[in-house]
Amino acid sequence: MPVVTTAFASPAIIPGRKDLIFSAPARPQHDAFGRMEYVFRHTYEKLTNAHTQLHIAEPMADTYTDVVDGCCDVAIGFMHAAVTQHPAFGYFAGLPCSMGLPSARQTAWINSGDGQEIWDQLGFELGIKPLFAGNVATHAVALHSRRMICGATHFQNMRVQANGLVRDVVAGLGATPVINETEDEIDAVQSGTSASRPAVDGGKSQAHVISGGFLPHGSTLAVSVHRKTWDRLSRFEQQAMHMAARVAAASFTNFANSKDRAVVTALGVRTPSAPKMPLDVMVAANRIAEAVVADIASTDQISARINSSYLAARSRQQI
C-alpha cells in the first residue's frame, strides 16, 4: 500500500470509498507495536469490506499529537502522550504507582462505568474521539537498569525512560525523565539511555531488572480519531473501528508478553524472579504519585469529575 504524505485526509480516491490517513508507531511488523498497527488496519478494512481504507502516514514520534494537530485522521498507541495536552488524560492512560487501577478494573471503569463518557468529553475539547483498545500490563512490571538500585538515593542524576505522569514521579525521586522514541527497552538499557552510566564487569555490560515498576497496573492502549473524521463515519464504520481496536489490542498483548521474556533474556537475567523495588523507593514514589494526582484533580471541573469517578471505581475494587 502506498505511503501517503498529505497533511490531512485526502478526498476519496474511489467514488463511494473513504480514505483515511493513519498514524502508528514506526515499528517493524515483527515488533509488538508493528503487529498491532498491522492487525488494526487490516481488521478494520476487512470489517468494512474495504469501503474504508487506512493509508499509513509517514512515521512520527507522537501519534496522538498527529491527530490533535490534524496531521492524520486516525492514530493508535498508548495514551501517555495525551497528558501533555491535558493532565487528566493520565487517568485513562494509567496512573502511576499505587494510584493506578488493576487492568481488569480499569477496563470495567471505562467500558461498564462512566469512564468512556467523560473520556469522550475530555477528548471532545481537543477535537478527538478516543476508543478504548485495552489495558496492557506488560512493559510496566519491571525497571531495567544499568545500575543496581538499592534505595531512593540511587535515582539521583539517573536518566530514566518515562512517559506520561511517570515522568513526574521519577523527577520527584531526583532522576531525569527521558523519552525513548524507539520504545525499545533493550536498546534503551544497552545504550545507556535508561540510566546515567553503565555498569561494567570484566569488559561486559550488565543490567539489572527490578520487579515492580512505576506503572504496576499497566497502560491503556487507545485509538484516537479526529472528531471531524469520526462524525463523517457511518455508525457501522464506527462500530467496526471499536472492534478492530480490540482485536489489535489482543494481538499486542500476546506479542508484548513474548517481548518481555526476550528483554529478560537479552539482559542476562538468569534467576526466575527479579528482586523487588526497594521499600523506600516505593514509599517515596507512592507519596509523589498521590501529590501529582491530587494536583490534577484540582485543575478544572472535568478533572474533578474524572477524579471522583475514578475514586469510586477504586472504592468498588477495595470492597
C-alpha atoms as a PDB file:
ATOM      1  CA  MET A   1       0.000   0.000   0.000  1.00  0.00           C
ATOM      2  CA  PRO A   2       1.486   3.400  -0.936  1.00  0.00           C
ATOM      3  CA  VAL A   3       2.661   5.811   1.736  1.00  0.00           C
ATOM      4  CA  VAL A   4       0.509   8.931   1.943  1.00  0.00           C
ATOM      5  CA  THR A   5       2.275  12.124   2.938  1.00  0.00           C
ATOM      6  CA  THR A   6      -0.500  14.701   2.702  1.00  0.00           C
ATOM      7  CA  ALA A   7      -1.115  16.828   5.777  1.00  0.00           C
ATOM      8  CA  PHE A   8      -4.665  15.584   6.246  1.00  0.00           C
ATOM      9  CA  ALA A   9      -7.119  13.114   4.810  1.00  0.00           C
ATOM     10  CA  SER A  10      -7.439  13.319   1.055  1.00  0.00           C
ATOM     11  CA  PRO A  11     -10.791  13.143  -0.729  1.00  0.00           C
ATOM     12  CA  ALA A  12     -11.982   9.655  -1.588  1.00  0.00           C
ATOM     13  CA  ILE A  13      -9.759   8.241  -4.311  1.00  0.00           C
ATOM     14  CA  ILE A  14     -12.513   5.901  -5.498  1.00  0.00           C
ATOM     15  CA  PRO A  15     -16.130   7.144  -5.544  1.00  0.00           C
ATOM     16  CA  GLY A  16     -18.040   5.855  -2.516  1.00  0.00           C
ATOM     17  CA  ARG A  17     -14.896   4.831  -0.634  1.00  0.00           C
ATOM     18  CA  LYS A  18     -13.447   6.650   2.379  1.00  0.00           C
ATOM     19  CA  ASP A  19      -9.667   7.014   2.502  1.00  0.00           C
ATOM     20  CA  LEU A  20      -8.208   7.926   5.893  1.00  0.00           C
ATOM     21  CA  ILE A  21      -4.681   8.872   6.926  1.00  0.00           C
ATOM     22  CA  PHE A  22      -3.454   6.531   9.665  1.00  0.00           C
ATOM     23  CA  SER A  23      -0.560   7.132  12.079  1.00  0.00           C
ATOM     24  CA  ALA A  24       1.070   4.427  14.192  1.00  0.00           C
ATOM     25  CA  PRO A  25       4.419   3.920  15.964  1.00  0.00           C
ATOM     26  CA  ALA A  26       7.179   3.375  13.424  1.00  0.00           C
ATOM     27  CA  ARG A  27       7.991  -0.249  14.175  1.00  0.00           C
ATOM     28  CA  PRO A  28       8.771  -3.352  12.113  1.00  0.00           C
ATOM     29  CA  GLN A  29       5.870  -5.754  11.678  1.00  0.00           C
ATOM     30  CA  HIS A  30       7.540  -8.430  13.811  1.00  0.00           C
ATOM     31  CA  ASP A  31       7.543  -5.991  16.754  1.00  0.00           C
ATOM     32  CA  ALA A  32       4.531  -5.807  19.101  1.00  0.00           C
ATOM     33  CA  PHE A  33       3.700  -2.247  18.023  1.00  0.00           C
ATOM     34  CA  GLY A  34       4.155  -3.047  14.360  1.00  0.00           C
ATOM     35  CA  ARG A  35       1.929  -6.087  14.677  1.00  0.00           C
ATOM     36  CA  MET A  36      -0.739  -4.034  16.463  1.00  0.00           C
ATOM     37  CA  GLU A  37      -0.788  -1.460  13.662  1.00  0.00           C
ATOM     38  CA  TYR A  38      -0.993  -4.161  11.010  1.00  0.00           C
ATOM     39  CA  VAL A  39      -3.805  -6.067  12.741  1.00  0.00           C
ATOM     40  CA  PHE A  40      -5.852  -2.931  13.428  1.00  0.00           C
ATOM     41  CA  ARG A  41      -5.584  -1.637   9.886  1.00  0.00           C
ATOM     42  CA  HIS A  42      -6.370  -4.921   8.161  1.00  0.00           C
ATOM     43  CA  THR A  43      -9.149  -5.878  10.594  1.00  0.00           C
ATOM     44  CA  TYR A  44     -10.890  -2.549  10.083  1.00  0.00           C
ATOM     45  CA  GLU A  45     -10.632  -2.693   6.308  1.00  0.00           C
ATOM     46  CA  LYS A  46     -11.921  -6.269   6.299  1.00  0.00           C
ATOM     47  CA  LEU A  47     -14.878  -5.416   8.551  1.00  0.00           C
ATOM     48  CA  THR A  48     -15.864  -2.537   6.279  1.00  0.00           C
ATOM     49  CA  ASN A  49     -15.329  -4.695   3.194  1.00  0.00           C
ATOM     50  CA  ALA A  50     -12.616  -2.242   2.074  1.00  0.00           C
ATOM     51  CA  HIS A  51     -15.216   0.532   1.891  1.00  0.00           C
ATOM     52  CA  THR A  52     -12.958   2.492   4.255  1.00  0.00           C
ATOM     53  CA  GLN A  53      -9.191   2.219   3.843  1.00  0.00           C
ATOM     54  CA  LEU A  54      -6.402   3.408   6.130  1.00  0.00           C
ATOM     55  CA  HIS A  55      -3.309   4.810   4.424  1.00  0.00           C
ATOM     56  CA  ILE A  56      -0.168   4.869   6.559  1.00  0.00           C
ATOM     57  CA  ALA A  57       1.275   8.321   7.134  1.00  0.00           C
ATOM     58  CA  GLU A  58       4.980   8.994   7.396  1.00  0.00           C
ATOM     59  CA  PRO A  59       6.129   7.767  10.844  1.00  0.00           C
ATOM     60  CA  MET A  60       6.070  10.423  13.544  1.00  0.00           C
ATOM     61  CA  ALA A  61       7.250  10.282  17.151  1.00  0.00           C
ATOM     62  CA  ASP A  62       3.922  11.256  18.718  1.00  0.00           C
ATOM     63  CA  THR A  63       0.945   9.617  17.037  1.00  0.00           C
ATOM     64  CA  TYR A  64      -1.615  11.123  19.417  1.00  0.00           C
ATOM     65  CA  THR A  65      -0.482  14.667  18.658  1.00  0.00           C
ATOM     66  CA  ASP A  66      -0.671  13.830  14.955  1.00  0.00           C
ATOM     67  CA  VAL A  67      -4.443  13.533  15.334  1.00  0.00           C
ATOM     68  CA  VAL A  68      -4.843  16.607  17.538  1.00  0.00           C
ATOM     69  CA  ASP A  69      -2.826  18.721  15.095  1.00  0.00           C
ATOM     70  CA  GLY A  70      -4.825  17.425  12.131  1.00  0.00           C
ATOM     71  CA  CYS A  71      -1.884  15.627  10.511  1.00  0.00           C
ATOM     72  CA  CYS A  72      -3.878  12.399  10.271  1.00  0.00           C
ATOM     73  CA  ASP A  73      -7.382  11.015  10.742  1.00  0.00           C
ATOM     74  CA  VAL A  74      -6.662   8.034  12.987  1.00  0.00           C
ATOM     75  CA  ALA A  75      -3.791   7.023  15.286  1.00  0.00           C
ATOM     76  CA  ILE A  76      -3.120   4.091  17.584  1.00  0.00           C
ATOM     77  CA  GLY A  77      -0.821   3.822  20.591  1.00  0.00           C
ATOM     78  CA  PHE A  78      -0.508   4.460  24.314  1.00  0.00           C
ATOM     79  CA  MET A  79      -2.354   7.413  25.821  1.00  0.00           C
ATOM     80  CA  HIS A  80       0.568   8.785  27.856  1.00  0.00           C
ATOM     81  CA  ALA A  81       1.404  11.373  25.187  1.00  0.00           C
ATOM     82  CA  ALA A  82      -2.035  12.934  25.700  1.00  0.00           C
ATOM     83  CA  VAL A  83      -1.026  14.055  29.204  1.00  0.00           C
ATOM     84  CA  THR A  84       0.857  16.961  27.633  1.00  0.00           C
ATOM     85  CA  GLN A  85      -2.459  18.166  26.171  1.00  0.00           C
ATOM     86  CA  HIS A  86      -4.414  17.809  29.415  1.00  0.00           C
ATOM     87  CA  PRO A  87      -3.125  16.151  32.618  1.00  0.00           C
ATOM     88  CA  ALA A  88      -6.469  14.420  33.285  1.00  0.00           C
ATOM     89  CA  PHE A  89      -5.720  12.080  30.375  1.00  0.00           C
ATOM     90  CA  GLY A  90      -3.422  10.405  32.896  1.00  0.00           C
ATOM     91  CA  TYR A  91      -6.435   8.701  34.485  1.00  0.00           C
ATOM     92  CA  PHE A  92      -7.145   6.940  31.197  1.00  0.00           C
ATOM     93  CA  ALA A  93      -3.509   6.351  30.256  1.00  0.00           C
ATOM     94  CA  GLY A  94      -2.839   4.632  33.587  1.00  0.00           C
ATOM     95  CA  LEU A  95      -1.937   6.319  36.867  1.00  0.00           C
ATOM     96  CA  PRO A  96       1.470   5.591  38.397  1.00  0.00           C
ATOM     97  CA  CYS A  97       2.287   3.522  41.472  1.00  0.00           C
ATOM     98  CA  SER A  98      -0.474   2.765  43.983  1.00  0.00           C
ATOM     99  CA  MET A  99      -2.834   5.277  42.364  1.00  0.00           C
ATOM    100  CA  GLY A 100      -3.480   3.053  39.349  1.00  0.00           C
ATOM    101  CA  LEU A 101      -6.335   0.612  38.883  1.00  0.00           C
ATOM    102  CA  PRO A 102      -5.600  -3.040  38.037  1.00  0.00           C
ATOM    103  CA  SER A 103      -6.108  -3.688  34.339  1.00  0.00           C
ATOM    104  CA  ALA A 104      -9.420  -5.536  34.780  1.00  0.00           C
ATOM    105  CA  ARG A 105     -10.847  -2.735  36.938  1.00  0.00           C
ATOM    106  CA  GLN A 106      -9.550  -0.049  34.572  1.00  0.00           C
ATOM    107  CA  THR A 107     -11.254  -1.848  31.707  1.00  0.00           C
ATOM    108  CA  ALA A 108     -14.508  -2.141  33.661  1.00  0.00           C
ATOM    109  CA  TRP A 109     -14.410   1.538  34.630  1.00  0.00           C
ATOM    110  CA  ILE A 110     -14.141   2.623  31.009  1.00  0.00           C
ATOM    111  CA  ASN A 111     -16.379   0.014  29.375  1.00  0.00           C
ATOM    112  CA  SER A 112     -19.039  -0.525  32.034  1.00  0.00           C
ATOM    113  CA  GLY A 113     -18.939   2.642  34.105  1.00  0.00           C
ATOM    114  CA  ASP A 114     -18.988   6.284  33.058  1.00  0.00           C
ATOM    115  CA  GLY A 115     -15.303   6.306  32.141  1.00  0.00           C
ATOM    116  CA  GLN A 116     -15.823   6.300  28.367  1.00  0.00           C
ATOM    117  CA  GLU A 117     -18.405   9.084  28.599  1.00  0.00           C
ATOM    118  CA  ILE A 118     -16.129  11.502  30.436  1.00  0.00           C
ATOM    119  CA  TRP A 119     -13.160  10.385  28.333  1.00  0.00           C
ATOM    120  CA  ASP A 120     -15.201  11.412  25.300  1.00  0.00           C
ATOM    121  CA  GLN A 121     -15.909  14.795  26.897  1.00  0.00           C
ATOM    122  CA  LEU A 122     -12.237  15.366  27.600  1.00  0.00           C
ATOM    123  CA  GLY A 123     -11.301  14.318  24.080  1.00  0.00           C
ATOM    124  CA  PHE A 124     -14.022  16.489  22.553  1.00  0.00           C
ATOM    125  CA  GLU A 125     -12.326  19.597  23.952  1.00  0.00           C
ATOM    126  CA  LEU A 126      -9.273  18.711  21.858  1.00  0.00           C
ATOM    127  CA  GLY A 127     -11.231  17.565  18.828  1.00  0.00           C
ATOM    128  CA  ILE A 128     -10.664  13.809  19.112  1.00  0.00           C
ATOM    129  CA  LYS A 129     -12.718  10.693  19.740  1.00  0.00           C
ATOM    130  CA  PRO A 130     -10.813   8.200  21.950  1.00  0.00           C
ATOM    131  CA  LEU A 131     -11.534   4.486  21.625  1.00  0.00           C
ATOM    132  CA  PHE A 132     -10.514   2.057  24.333  1.00  0.00           C
ATOM    133  CA  ALA A 133      -8.236  -0.618  22.882  1.00  0.00           C
ATOM    134  CA  GLY A 134      -7.353  -2.491  26.064  1.00  0.00           C
ATOM    135  CA  ASN A 135      -5.086  -2.242  29.071  1.00  0.00           C
ATOM    136  CA  VAL A 136      -1.665  -3.763  28.638  1.00  0.00           C
ATOM    137  CA  ALA A 137       0.015  -4.743  31.885  1.00  0.00           C
ATOM    138  CA  THR A 138       3.246  -5.776  30.166  1.00  0.00           C
ATOM    139  CA  HIS A 139       6.169  -3.345  29.749  1.00  0.00           C
ATOM    140  CA  ALA A 140       5.211  -1.950  33.137  1.00  0.00           C
ATOM    141  CA  VAL A 141       6.035  -4.596  35.701  1.00  0.00           C
ATOM    142  CA  ALA A 142       9.766  -4.023  35.960  1.00  0.00           C
ATOM    143  CA  LEU A 143      12.515  -1.449  35.794  1.00  0.00           C
ATOM    144  CA  HIS A 144      15.515  -2.345  33.645  1.00  0.00           C
ATOM    145  CA  SER A 145      18.578  -0.514  34.885  1.00  0.00           C
ATOM    146  CA  ARG A 146      22.285  -0.380  34.096  1.00  0.00           C
ATOM    147  CA  ARG A 147      22.929   0.358  37.749  1.00  0.00           C
ATOM    148  CA  MET A 148      21.970  -1.621  40.835  1.00  0.00           C
ATOM    149  CA  ILE A 149      19.206   0.229  42.686  1.00  0.00           C
ATOM    150  CA  CYS A 150      19.296  -0.303  46.430  1.00  0.00           C
ATOM    151  CA  GLY A 151      17.420   2.777  47.590  1.00  0.00           C
ATOM    152  CA  ALA A 152      15.765   6.051  46.642  1.00  0.00           C
ATOM    153  CA  THR A 153      19.060   7.960  46.671  1.00  0.00           C
ATOM    154  CA  HIS A 154      20.304   5.820  43.775  1.00  0.00           C
ATOM    155  CA  PHE A 155      17.892   7.640  41.463  1.00  0.00           C
ATOM    156  CA  GLN A 156      19.764  10.903  41.897  1.00  0.00           C
ATOM    157  CA  ASN A 157      21.039  12.109  38.500  1.00  0.00           C
ATOM    158  CA  MET A 158      19.902   8.937  36.715  1.00  0.00           C
ATOM    159  CA  ARG A 159      18.234   9.132  33.330  1.00  0.00           C
ATOM    160  CA  VAL A 160      15.051   7.082  33.358  1.00  0.00           C
ATOM    161  CA  GLN A 161      12.880   6.295  30.360  1.00  0.00           C
ATOM    162  CA  ALA A 162       9.429   7.543  31.333  1.00  0.00           C
ATOM    163  CA  ASN A 163       6.238   8.785  29.749  1.00  0.00           C
ATOM    164  CA  GLY A 164       3.081  10.459  30.987  1.00  0.00           C
ATOM    165  CA  LEU A 165       2.722  11.043  34.715  1.00  0.00           C
ATOM    166  CA  VAL A 166       5.588   8.661  35.489  1.00  0.00           C
ATOM    167  CA  ARG A 167       7.860  11.497  34.393  1.00  0.00           C
ATOM    168  CA  ASP A 168       6.676  13.495  37.408  1.00  0.00           C
ATOM    169  CA  VAL A 169       7.334  10.548  39.714  1.00  0.00           C
ATOM    170  CA  VAL A 170      10.899   9.877  38.585  1.00  0.00           C
ATOM    171  CA  ALA A 171      11.637  13.608  38.599  1.00  0.00           C
ATOM    172  CA  GLY A 172      10.427  13.724  42.195  1.00  0.00           C
ATOM    173  CA  LEU A 173      12.931  10.972  43.011  1.00  0.00           C
ATOM    174  CA  GLY A 174      15.734  13.146  41.663  1.00  0.00           C
ATOM    175  CA  ALA A 175      16.086  11.426  38.291  1.00  0.00           C
ATOM    176  CA  THR A 176      15.859  12.963  34.831  1.00  0.00           C
ATOM    177  CA  PRO A 177      12.949  11.553  32.803  1.00  0.00           C
ATOM    178  CA  VAL A 178      13.714  10.932  29.140  1.00  0.00           C
ATOM    179  CA  ILE A 179      11.545   9.701  26.296  1.00  0.00           C
ATOM    180  CA  ASN A 180      12.945   6.839  24.278  1.00  0.00           C
ATOM    181  CA  GLU A 181      11.439   7.427  20.848  1.00  0.00           C
ATOM    182  CA  THR A 182      12.274   3.901  19.688  1.00  0.00           C
ATOM    183  CA  GLU A 183      10.174   2.444  22.521  1.00  0.00           C
ATOM    184  CA  ASP A 184      12.676  -0.410  22.658  1.00  0.00           C
ATOM    185  CA  GLU A 185      13.611  -1.342  26.209  1.00  0.00           C
ATOM    186  CA  ILE A 186      16.553  -3.497  25.153  1.00  0.00           C
ATOM    187  CA  ASP A 187      18.153  -0.738  23.071  1.00  0.00           C
ATOM    188  CA  ALA A 188      17.433   1.854  25.747  1.00  0.00           C
ATOM    189  CA  VAL A 189      19.155  -0.047  28.522  1.00  0.00           C
ATOM    190  CA  GLN A 190      22.071  -1.343  26.479  1.00  0.00           C
ATOM    191  CA  SER A 191      22.777   2.118  25.047  1.00  0.00           C
ATOM    192  CA  GLY A 192      22.580   3.721  28.474  1.00  0.00           C
ATOM    193  CA  THR A 193      19.543   5.929  27.865  1.00  0.00           C
ATOM    194  CA  SER A 194      17.697   4.369  30.793  1.00  0.00           C
ATOM    195  CA  ALA A 195      20.423   5.017  33.373  1.00  0.00           C
ATOM    196  CA  SER A 196      23.085   7.638  33.971  1.00  0.00           C
ATOM    197  CA  ARG A 197      26.037   5.365  33.330  1.00  0.00           C
ATOM    198  CA  PRO A 198      26.548   1.673  32.543  1.00  0.00           C
ATOM    199  CA  ALA A 199      27.876  -0.871  34.986  1.00  0.00           C
ATOM    200  CA  VAL A 200      30.892  -2.681  33.599  1.00  0.00           C
ATOM    201  CA  ASP A 201      32.237  -6.006  34.786  1.00  0.00           C
ATOM    202  CA  GLY A 202      35.148  -7.644  33.023  1.00  0.00           C
ATOM    203  CA  GLY A 203      34.511  -5.634  29.879  1.00  0.00           C
ATOM    204  CA  LYS A 204      30.912  -6.821  29.547  1.00  0.00           C
ATOM    205  CA  SER A 205      27.968  -4.537  30.188  1.00  0.00           C
ATOM    206  CA  GLN A 206      25.472  -5.770  32.740  1.00  0.00           C
ATOM    207  CA  ALA A 207      21.913  -4.789  33.522  1.00  0.00           C
ATOM    208  CA  HIS A 208      19.606  -5.223  36.486  1.00  0.00           C
ATOM    209  CA  VAL A 209      15.910  -5.985  36.489  1.00  0.00           C
ATOM    210  CA  ILE A 210      13.855  -4.817  39.457  1.00  0.00           C
ATOM    211  CA  SER A 211      10.268  -6.034  39.629  1.00  0.00           C
ATOM    212  CA  GLY A 212       7.506  -3.596  40.472  1.00  0.00           C
ATOM    213  CA  GLY A 213       7.982  -0.604  38.192  1.00  0.00           C
ATOM    214  CA  PHE A 214       6.210   2.733  38.429  1.00  0.00           C
ATOM    215  CA  LEU A 215       3.271   1.552  36.302  1.00  0.00           C
ATOM    216  CA  PRO A 216       2.497  -1.737  38.066  1.00  0.00           C
ATOM    217  CA  HIS A 217      -1.017  -1.924  36.617  1.00  0.00           C
ATOM    218  CA  GLY A 218      -0.082  -1.218  33.030  1.00  0.00           C
ATOM    219  CA  SER A 219      -1.007   1.329  30.389  1.00  0.00           C
ATOM    220  CA  THR A 220      -4.072   1.952  28.273  1.00  0.00           C
ATOM    221  CA  LEU A 221      -3.926   1.450  24.537  1.00  0.00           C
ATOM    222  CA  ALA A 222      -6.230   3.665  22.532  1.00  0.00           C
ATOM    223  CA  VAL A 223      -7.285   4.558  19.042  1.00  0.00           C
ATOM    224  CA  SER A 224      -7.619   8.319  18.629  1.00  0.00           C
ATOM    225  CA  VAL A 225      -9.844   9.552  15.815  1.00  0.00           C
ATOM    226  CA  HIS A 226     -10.105  13.159  14.698  1.00  0.00           C
ATOM    227  CA  ARG A 227     -13.571  14.397  15.663  1.00  0.00           C
ATOM    228  CA  LYS A 228     -14.451  15.561  12.134  1.00  0.00           C
ATOM    229  CA  THR A 229     -13.389  12.188  10.757  1.00  0.00           C
ATOM    230  CA  TRP A 230     -15.430  10.331  13.374  1.00  0.00           C
ATOM    231  CA  ASP A 231     -18.550  12.366  12.614  1.00  0.00           C
ATOM    232  CA  ARG A 232     -18.441  11.513   8.919  1.00  0.00           C
ATOM    233  CA  LEU A 233     -18.161   7.777   9.546  1.00  0.00           C
ATOM    234  CA  SER A 234     -21.364   5.760   9.481  1.00  0.00           C
ATOM    235  CA  ARG A 235     -22.491   4.056  12.681  1.00  0.00           C
ATOM    236  CA  PHE A 236     -21.406   0.714  11.225  1.00  0.00           C
ATOM    237  CA  GLU A 237     -17.944   2.111  10.428  1.00  0.00           C
ATOM    238  CA  GLN A 238     -17.654   3.482  13.966  1.00  0.00           C
ATOM    239  CA  GLN A 239     -18.546   0.086  15.447  1.00  0.00           C
ATOM    240  CA  ALA A 240     -16.051  -1.588  13.117  1.00  0.00           C
ATOM    241  CA  MET A 241     -13.326   0.722  14.416  1.00  0.00           C
ATOM    242  CA  HIS A 242     -14.197  -0.234  18.002  1.00  0.00           C
ATOM    243  CA  MET A 243     -13.917  -3.917  17.108  1.00  0.00           C
ATOM    244  CA  ALA A 244     -10.659  -3.517  15.179  1.00  0.00           C
ATOM    245  CA  ALA A 245      -9.111  -1.696  18.146  1.00  0.00           C
ATOM    246  CA  ARG A 246      -9.904  -4.571  20.484  1.00  0.00           C
ATOM    247  CA  VAL A 247      -8.616  -7.213  18.094  1.00  0.00           C
ATOM    248  CA  ALA A 248      -5.372  -5.252  17.721  1.00  0.00           C
ATOM    249  CA  ALA A 249      -5.026  -4.918  21.498  1.00  0.00           C
ATOM    250  CA  ALA A 250      -5.291  -8.685  21.953  1.00  0.00           C
ATOM    251  CA  SER A 251      -2.599  -9.175  19.329  1.00  0.00           C
ATOM    252  CA  PHE A 252      -0.375  -6.584  21.010  1.00  0.00           C
ATOM    253  CA  THR A 253      -0.700  -8.276  24.396  1.00  0.00           C
ATOM    254  CA  ASN A 254       0.430 -11.624  23.014  1.00  0.00           C
ATOM    255  CA  PHE A 255       3.443 -10.073  21.292  1.00  0.00           C
ATOM    256  CA  ALA A 256       4.312  -7.883  24.284  1.00  0.00           C
ATOM    257  CA  ASN A 257       4.364 -10.855  26.642  1.00  0.00           C
ATOM    258  CA  SER A 258       6.867 -12.545  24.359  1.00  0.00           C
ATOM    259  CA  LYS A 259       8.918  -9.361  24.154  1.00  0.00           C
ATOM    260  CA  ASP A 260       9.100  -9.042  27.936  1.00  0.00           C
ATOM    261  CA  ARG A 261      10.596 -12.512  28.085  1.00  0.00           C
ATOM    262  CA  ALA A 262      13.055 -11.511  25.356  1.00  0.00           C
ATOM    263  CA  VAL A 263      14.105  -8.426  27.340  1.00  0.00           C
ATOM    264  CA  VAL A 264      14.922 -10.525  30.390  1.00  0.00           C
ATOM    265  CA  THR A 265      16.880 -12.988  28.254  1.00  0.00           C
ATOM    266  CA  ALA A 266      18.814 -10.249  26.445  1.00  0.00           C
ATOM    267  CA  LEU A 267      19.795  -8.601  29.709  1.00  0.00           C
ATOM    268  CA  GLY A 268      21.233 -11.857  31.003  1.00  0.00           C
ATOM    269  CA  VAL A 269      18.903 -12.314  33.958  1.00  0.00           C
ATOM    270  CA  ARG A 270      19.222 -15.932  34.961  1.00  0.00           C
ATOM    271  CA  THR A 271      17.068 -16.012  38.082  1.00  0.00           C
ATOM    272  CA  PRO A 272      13.367 -16.850  37.618  1.00  0.00           C
ATOM    273  CA  SER A 273      12.280 -13.865  39.719  1.00  0.00           C
ATOM    274  CA  ALA A 274      13.844 -10.425  39.901  1.00  0.00           C
ATOM    275  CA  PRO A 275      14.407  -8.582  43.190  1.00  0.00           C
ATOM    276  CA  LYS A 276      11.639  -6.207  44.220  1.00  0.00           C
ATOM    277  CA  MET A 277      11.888  -2.448  44.174  1.00  0.00           C
ATOM    278  CA  PRO A 278      13.377  -1.237  47.492  1.00  0.00           C
ATOM    279  CA  LEU A 279      10.693  -0.297  50.005  1.00  0.00           C
ATOM    280  CA  ASP A 280      11.885   3.285  50.487  1.00  0.00           C
ATOM    281  CA  VAL A 281      11.697   3.825  46.714  1.00  0.00           C
ATOM    282  CA  MET A 282       8.090   2.663  46.534  1.00  0.00           C
ATOM    283  CA  VAL A 283       7.083   4.668  49.624  1.00  0.00           C
ATOM    284  CA  ALA A 284       8.581   7.825  48.133  1.00  0.00           C
ATOM    285  CA  ALA A 285       7.165   7.112  44.663  1.00  0.00           C
ATOM    286  CA  ASN A 286       3.666   6.485  46.045  1.00  0.00           C
ATOM    287  CA  ARG A 287       3.787   9.731  48.008  1.00  0.00           C
ATOM    288  CA  ILE A 288       4.818  11.662  44.897  1.00  0.00           C
ATOM    289  CA  ALA A 289       2.137   9.954  42.785  1.00  0.00           C
ATOM    290  CA  GLU A 290      -0.563  10.854  45.309  1.00  0.00           C
ATOM    291  CA  ALA A 291       0.503  14.505  45.229  1.00  0.00           C
ATOM    292  CA  VAL A 292       0.582  14.542  41.420  1.00  0.00           C
ATOM    293  CA  VAL A 293      -2.931  13.087  41.137  1.00  0.00           C
ATOM    294  CA  ALA A 294      -4.309  15.453  43.797  1.00  0.00           C
ATOM    295  CA  ASP A 295      -2.901  18.377  41.839  1.00  0.00           C
ATOM    296  CA  ILE A 296      -4.515  17.138  38.617  1.00  0.00           C
ATOM    297  CA  ALA A 297      -7.898  16.717  40.315  1.00  0.00           C
ATOM    298  CA  SER A 298      -7.911  20.421  41.158  1.00  0.00           C
ATOM    299  CA  THR A 299      -7.055  21.533  37.604  1.00  0.00           C
ATOM    300  CA  ASP A 300     -10.609  22.176  36.383  1.00  0.00           C
ATOM    301  CA  GLN A 301     -14.186  20.941  36.603  1.00  0.00           C
ATOM    302  CA  ILE A 302     -13.819  17.989  34.250  1.00  0.00           C
ATOM    303  CA  SER A 303     -10.674  16.840  36.081  1.00  0.00           C
ATOM    304  CA  ALA A 304     -12.591  16.879  39.359  1.00  0.00           C
ATOM    305  CA  ARG A 305     -15.385  14.825  37.799  1.00  0.00           C
ATOM    306  CA  ILE A 306     -12.946  12.288  36.353  1.00  0.00           C
ATOM    307  CA  ASN A 307     -11.178  12.016  39.701  1.00  0.00           C
ATOM    308  CA  SER A 308     -14.479  11.416  41.511  1.00  0.00           C
ATOM    309  CA  SER A 309     -15.474   8.688  39.060  1.00  0.00           C
ATOM    310  CA  TYR A 310     -12.035   7.090  39.256  1.00  0.00           C
ATOM    311  CA  LEU A 311     -12.011   7.077  43.069  1.00  0.00           C
ATOM    312  CA  ALA A 312     -15.453   5.458  43.051  1.00  0.00           C
ATOM    313  CA  ALA A 313     -14.051   2.684  40.852  1.00  0.00           C
ATOM    314  CA  ARG A 314     -11.148   2.244  43.274  1.00  0.00           C
ATOM    315  CA  SER A 315     -13.565   2.033  46.206  1.00  0.00           C
ATOM    316  CA  ARG A 316     -15.536  -0.723  44.486  1.00  0.00           C
ATOM    317  CA  GLN A 317     -12.253  -2.564  43.955  1.00  0.00           C
ATOM    318  CA  GLN A 318     -11.475  -2.473  47.679  1.00  0.00           C
ATOM    319  CA  ILE A 319     -14.884  -3.781  48.774  1.00  0.00           C
END
